[in-house]
Amino acid sequence: KKLEPLDPSKIKVKTNKSRVALIIGIENYSNTAKALYADRDAKFFKEYAKKAFGIEDNNIKLLINDDAALVNSLSILSKWLPGKIEKKQTELIIFFAGHGLASNDGKELFLLTQDSDADLLSRTALSRTEIFNKIKEYNPKSTLIFLDACYTGFSREKETLLASARPVRIVVDDQSTPENFTIFSASQLDQISSGLKEAEHGIFSYYLMKGLEGKADSNKDKKITTGELLAYMDKNVSQKASEQGRKQNPELLGDQNQIIVEYK
């Protein structure tokens, strides 16, 4: 079955000067397997940040492949981001497509930068807890996060990310969600986040963006809530993953009734 191409030009919303987006997409890792289509996911999401979330160009930072190495990523998080956030005013949106991994003890989740070493996570990758703590310091009005990554130790093509032959690492304890944070994850903690060859996107990213085009507006009220978006993605992502012989169910942590898109 042929899939509809993504088309952000269908969307019309008002510009929102209070919104800021940080978008990261890494396909080509220097020390581990590729995250197929992840850079393409991020480039497309930039258009949806503008069209669906009404964010102005100068309030969007896009980091692709080499630009998303550790030092530059930390610099953007520590210097660019606080300069863009007005306390209790700014609505922050973060999109990440790439690899994630859990620590050996399963207590911490990491997002891999372009040059991360999977065997040296605490020194070379971004800790989710640290990212969240930084954002809490900046105190935006709200934070909406989309993570097209998983933590099982496998790539979208089921290649292992670990240099040594240790067993796959699963997170035991789900992490708590900070107040005013809404987090969409591509899969449950023990599931692989897959790619979608016929769309040349991650399954999660493709249906996220299709949903933002209006497909997720189940009651046709020209608004999309977090709950509507999750329901649309869960139905379609799980179906496509099952066609590949896998299980994948997106997850939402936070308020299910939050309106995230309002169309003109």
Protein backbone atom coordinates (compact mmCIF):
# COMPACT_ATOMS: atom_id res chain seq x y z
CA LYS A 1 0.00 0.00 0.00
CA LYS A 2 1.42 3.35 -1.04
CA LEU A 3 1.72 5.89 1.74
CA GLU A 4 0.69 9.50 1.35
CA PRO A 5 3.72 11.81 1.22
CA LEU A 6 4.05 14.26 4.07
CA ASP A 7 2.67 17.68 3.16
CA PRO A 8 3.03 20.44 5.76
CA SER A 9 1.68 23.01 3.26
CA LYS A 10 -1.86 21.72 4.04
CA ILE A 11 -1.68 23.24 7.54
CA LYS A 12 -2.72 26.79 8.41
CA VAL A 13 -2.25 28.14 11.94
CA LYS A 14 -1.49 31.53 13.45
CA THR A 15 2.12 32.49 14.15
CA ASN A 16 2.98 32.01 17.79
CA LYS A 17 5.84 34.27 18.89
CA SER A 18 5.97 32.57 22.30
CA ARG A 19 7.01 29.19 20.89
CA VAL A 20 10.59 27.96 20.49
CA ALA A 21 11.78 24.66 18.95
CA LEU A 22 14.98 22.66 19.26
CA ILE A 23 15.11 19.90 16.62
CA ILE A 24 17.80 17.20 16.45
CA GLY A 25 18.12 14.42 13.87
CA ILE A 26 21.08 12.05 13.60
CA GLU A 27 21.28 9.31 10.97
CA ASN A 28 25.05 9.10 10.59
CA TYR A 29 26.74 8.24 13.88
CA SER A 30 30.53 8.17 14.01
CA ASN A 31 30.81 5.31 16.53
CA THR A 32 27.69 3.22 16.04
CA ALA A 33 25.07 1.99 13.56
CA LYS A 34 22.97 4.41 11.51
CA ALA A 35 19.56 5.61 12.68
CA LEU A 36 17.99 5.31 9.24
CA TYR A 37 16.05 8.42 8.05
CA ALA A 38 16.48 10.24 11.42
CA ASP A 39 18.08 13.32 9.80
CA ARG A 40 15.26 13.42 7.25
CA ASP A 41 12.70 13.18 10.08
CA ALA A 42 14.21 16.26 11.72
CA LYS A 43 14.41 18.30 8.50
CA PHE A 44 10.73 17.60 7.83
CA PHE A 45 9.77 18.32 11.43
CA LYS A 46 11.23 21.81 11.08
CA GLU A 47 8.53 22.54 8.48
CA TYR A 48 5.86 21.21 10.85
CA ALA A 49 7.28 23.36 13.66
CA LYS A 50 6.60 26.36 11.42
CA LYS A 51 3.31 25.24 9.86
CA ALA A 52 1.58 23.30 12.68
CA PHE A 53 3.03 25.02 15.74
CA GLY A 54 3.36 28.50 14.20
CA ILE A 55 7.00 28.93 15.22
CA GLU A 56 9.06 31.66 13.53
CA ASP A 57 12.30 30.68 11.78
CA ASN A 58 14.50 32.62 14.19
CA ASN A 59 13.01 30.64 17.10
CA ILE A 60 13.97 27.25 15.61
CA LYS A 61 17.36 25.55 16.02
CA LEU A 62 17.94 22.52 13.77
CA LEU A 63 20.90 20.21 14.45
CA ILE A 64 21.56 17.53 11.82
CA ASN A 65 24.23 14.79 11.94
CA ASP A 66 27.67 16.41 12.57
CA ASP A 67 26.03 19.55 14.01
CA ALA A 68 24.59 17.33 16.74
CA ALA A 69 27.94 16.23 18.20
CA LEU A 70 28.27 16.37 21.99
CA VAL A 71 29.97 19.76 22.48
CA ASN A 72 27.71 21.62 20.06
CA SER A 73 24.59 19.95 21.49
CA LEU A 74 25.59 20.95 25.02
CA SER A 75 26.36 24.48 23.82
CA ILE A 76 22.90 24.83 22.25
CA LEU A 77 21.21 23.46 25.39
CA SER A 78 23.27 25.66 27.74
CA LYS A 79 23.62 28.89 25.74
CA TRP A 80 21.15 29.18 22.83
CA LEU A 81 18.12 27.75 24.65
CA PRO A 82 18.15 29.92 27.80
CA GLY A 83 18.58 32.98 25.60
CA LYS A 84 15.32 32.08 23.85
CA ILE A 85 13.19 31.18 26.87
CA GLU A 86 11.20 33.77 28.77
CA LYS A 87 10.28 32.45 32.19
CA LYS A 88 6.65 31.25 32.40
CA GLN A 89 5.98 32.67 28.91
CA THR A 90 7.73 30.46 26.36
CA GLU A 91 6.24 27.21 25.06
CA LEU A 92 9.21 24.96 24.30
CA ILE A 93 9.04 22.14 21.75
CA ILE A 94 11.84 19.58 21.42
CA PHE A 95 12.10 16.92 18.72
CA PHE A 96 14.82 14.24 18.74
CA ALA A 97 15.27 11.47 16.17
CA GLY A 98 18.22 9.14 16.68
CA HIS A 99 19.50 6.55 19.13
CA GLY A 100 18.77 6.26 22.83
CA LEU A 101 20.29 3.86 25.35
CA ALA A 102 19.80 2.99 29.00
CA SER A 103 22.59 2.83 31.55
CA ASN A 104 23.81 -0.61 32.67
CA ASP A 105 21.79 -0.43 35.88
CA GLY A 106 18.68 0.70 33.98
CA LYS A 107 18.28 3.83 36.10
CA GLU A 108 19.16 6.45 33.50
CA LEU A 109 18.15 7.07 29.90
CA PHE A 110 20.52 8.70 27.43
CA LEU A 111 20.15 10.27 23.99
CA LEU A 112 23.19 9.62 21.81
CA THR A 113 24.84 12.61 20.16
CA GLN A 114 26.50 12.12 16.77
CA ASP A 115 29.88 11.22 18.35
CA SER A 116 28.65 9.36 21.46
CA ASP A 117 30.33 6.11 22.48
CA ALA A 118 27.71 3.55 23.53
CA ASP A 119 30.18 2.12 26.08
CA LEU A 120 30.84 5.54 27.67
CA LEU A 121 27.33 6.92 27.98
CA SER A 122 27.76 9.08 31.07
CA ARG A 123 30.72 10.93 29.49
CA THR A 124 29.68 11.13 25.84
CA ALA A 125 25.85 11.13 25.63
CA LEU A 126 23.03 13.41 26.83
CA SER A 127 21.31 12.30 30.02
CA ARG A 128 17.56 12.77 29.82
CA THR A 129 17.47 13.75 33.48
CA GLU A 130 20.12 16.44 32.93
CA ILE A 131 18.25 17.83 29.91
CA PHE A 132 15.01 17.97 31.90
CA ASN A 133 16.75 19.62 34.86
CA LYS A 134 18.25 22.30 32.61
CA ILE A 135 14.85 23.04 31.09
CA LYS A 136 13.27 23.23 34.56
CA GLU A 137 15.91 25.86 35.49
CA TYR A 138 14.92 27.93 32.43
CA ASN A 139 11.28 27.68 33.60
CA PRO A 140 9.31 27.84 30.33
CA LYS A 141 5.50 27.94 30.47
CA SER A 142 5.36 24.41 29.02
CA THR A 143 7.61 21.80 27.40
CA LEU A 144 6.42 19.42 24.67
CA ILE A 145 8.92 16.70 23.72
CA PHE A 146 8.84 14.19 20.85
CA LEU A 147 11.43 11.40 21.05
CA ASP A 148 11.81 9.08 18.05
CA ALA A 149 14.34 6.94 19.86
CA CYS A 150 14.34 3.73 21.87
CA TYR A 151 16.55 2.41 24.64
CA THR A 152 16.80 -1.30 23.86
CA GLY A 153 20.30 -1.22 22.34
CA PHE A 154 19.09 -1.78 18.78
CA SER A 155 18.89 0.53 15.76
CA ARG A 156 15.83 0.99 13.54
CA GLU A 157 17.24 -1.81 11.36
CA LYS A 158 17.76 -4.05 14.41
CA GLU A 159 21.54 -3.65 14.42
CA THR A 160 23.13 -3.65 17.86
CA LEU A 161 24.54 -0.34 19.12
CA LEU A 162 26.90 -1.86 21.66
CA ALA A 163 30.53 -2.54 20.86
CA SER A 164 30.74 -5.37 23.39
CA ALA A 165 28.48 -8.40 23.39
CA ARG A 166 26.59 -7.50 26.55
CA PRO A 167 22.88 -8.30 26.77
CA VAL A 168 20.31 -5.76 25.65
CA ARG A 169 19.69 -3.19 28.37
CA ILE A 170 16.15 -2.53 29.49
CA VAL A 171 15.09 0.30 31.76
CA VAL A 172 13.57 -1.09 34.94
CA ASP A 173 12.14 2.10 36.43
CA ASP A 174 10.10 4.46 34.33
CA GLN A 175 11.24 8.00 34.97
CA SER A 176 8.95 10.58 36.48
CA THR A 177 7.66 13.41 34.28
CA PRO A 178 8.42 16.95 35.49
CA GLU A 179 5.52 19.36 35.97
CA ASN A 180 4.39 21.13 32.75
CA PHE A 181 6.25 18.56 30.62
CA THR A 182 4.45 16.48 27.99
CA ILE A 183 6.57 13.70 26.51
CA PHE A 184 5.74 11.57 23.47
CA SER A 185 8.02 8.55 23.08
CA ALA A 186 8.18 6.41 19.95
CA SER A 187 7.80 3.12 21.80
CA GLN A 188 7.48 1.39 25.15
CA LEU A 189 10.79 1.01 26.98
CA ASP A 190 11.34 -2.61 25.88
CA GLN A 191 10.38 -2.04 22.22
CA ILE A 192 12.45 -1.07 19.17
CA SER A 193 11.56 2.14 17.31
CA SER A 194 11.41 1.13 13.65
CA GLY A 195 11.93 2.82 10.31
CA LEU A 196 9.36 2.89 7.54
CA LYS A 197 11.04 2.22 4.20
CA GLU A 198 8.05 3.12 2.03
CA ALA A 199 7.92 6.59 3.59
CA GLU A 200 11.68 7.01 4.24
CA HIS A 201 10.92 8.13 7.79
CA GLY A 202 10.75 6.61 11.24
CA ILE A 203 7.29 5.09 11.77
CA PHE A 204 6.70 7.35 14.78
CA SER A 205 7.92 10.51 13.01
CA TYR A 206 5.85 9.82 9.88
CA TYR A 207 2.57 9.34 11.78
CA LEU A 208 3.36 12.20 14.16
CA MET A 209 3.63 14.58 11.20
CA LYS A 210 0.64 13.06 9.39
CA GLY A 211 -1.34 13.51 12.59
CA LEU A 212 -0.34 17.18 12.77
CA GLU A 213 -1.66 17.66 9.23
CA GLY A 214 -5.12 17.12 10.72
CA LYS A 215 -5.43 13.33 10.56
CA ALA A 216 -5.36 13.17 14.36
CA ASP A 217 -8.28 15.61 14.74
CA SER A 218 -10.78 12.83 15.43
CA ASN A 219 -13.74 15.09 16.36
CA LYS A 220 -13.01 17.62 13.55
CA ASP A 221 -13.05 20.63 15.89
CA LYS A 222 -9.91 22.12 14.27
CA LYS A 223 -7.92 21.36 17.41
CA ILE A 224 -5.58 18.49 18.22
CA THR A 225 -5.14 17.38 21.81
CA THR A 226 -2.27 15.26 23.08
CA GLY A 227 -4.74 12.41 23.63
CA GLU A 228 -6.04 12.59 20.05
CA LEU A 229 -2.49 12.60 18.69
CA LEU A 230 -1.52 9.59 20.80
CA ALA A 231 -4.62 7.63 19.74
CA TYR A 232 -3.95 8.32 16.04
CA MET A 233 -0.27 7.42 16.32
CA ASP A 234 -0.80 4.32 18.44
CA LYS A 235 -3.29 2.85 15.96
CA ASN A 236 -1.11 3.47 12.90
CA VAL A 237 2.35 2.92 14.38
CA SER A 238 1.39 -0.40 15.99
CA GLN A 239 -0.19 -1.60 12.73
CA LYS A 240 2.86 -0.71 10.61
CA ALA A 241 5.24 -2.24 13.15
CA SER A 242 3.23 -5.47 13.23
CA GLU A 243 3.57 -5.68 9.42
CA GLN A 244 7.34 -5.81 10.10
CA GLY A 245 6.85 -8.49 12.74
CA ARG A 246 7.52 -6.08 15.60
CA LYS A 247 5.63 -4.44 18.43
CA GLN A 248 5.75 -0.67 18.76
CA ASN A 249 3.36 1.45 20.80
CA PRO A 250 3.99 5.17 21.26
CA GLU A 251 3.74 6.44 24.81
CA LEU A 252 2.51 9.72 26.28
CA LEU A 253 3.58 11.06 29.66
CA GLY A 254 1.70 14.16 30.78
CA ASP A 255 -1.69 15.79 30.24
CA GLN A 256 -3.88 13.94 27.69
CA ASN A 257 -6.23 16.91 27.25
CA GLN A 258 -3.67 19.53 26.34
CA ILE A 259 -4.47 21.32 23.04
CA ILE A 260 -1.25 21.47 21.03
CA VAL A 261 -2.48 22.57 17.58
CA GLU A 262 -5.33 24.94 16.64
CA TYR A 263 -6.05 25.40 12.93
CA LYS A 264 -7.35 28.56 11.31
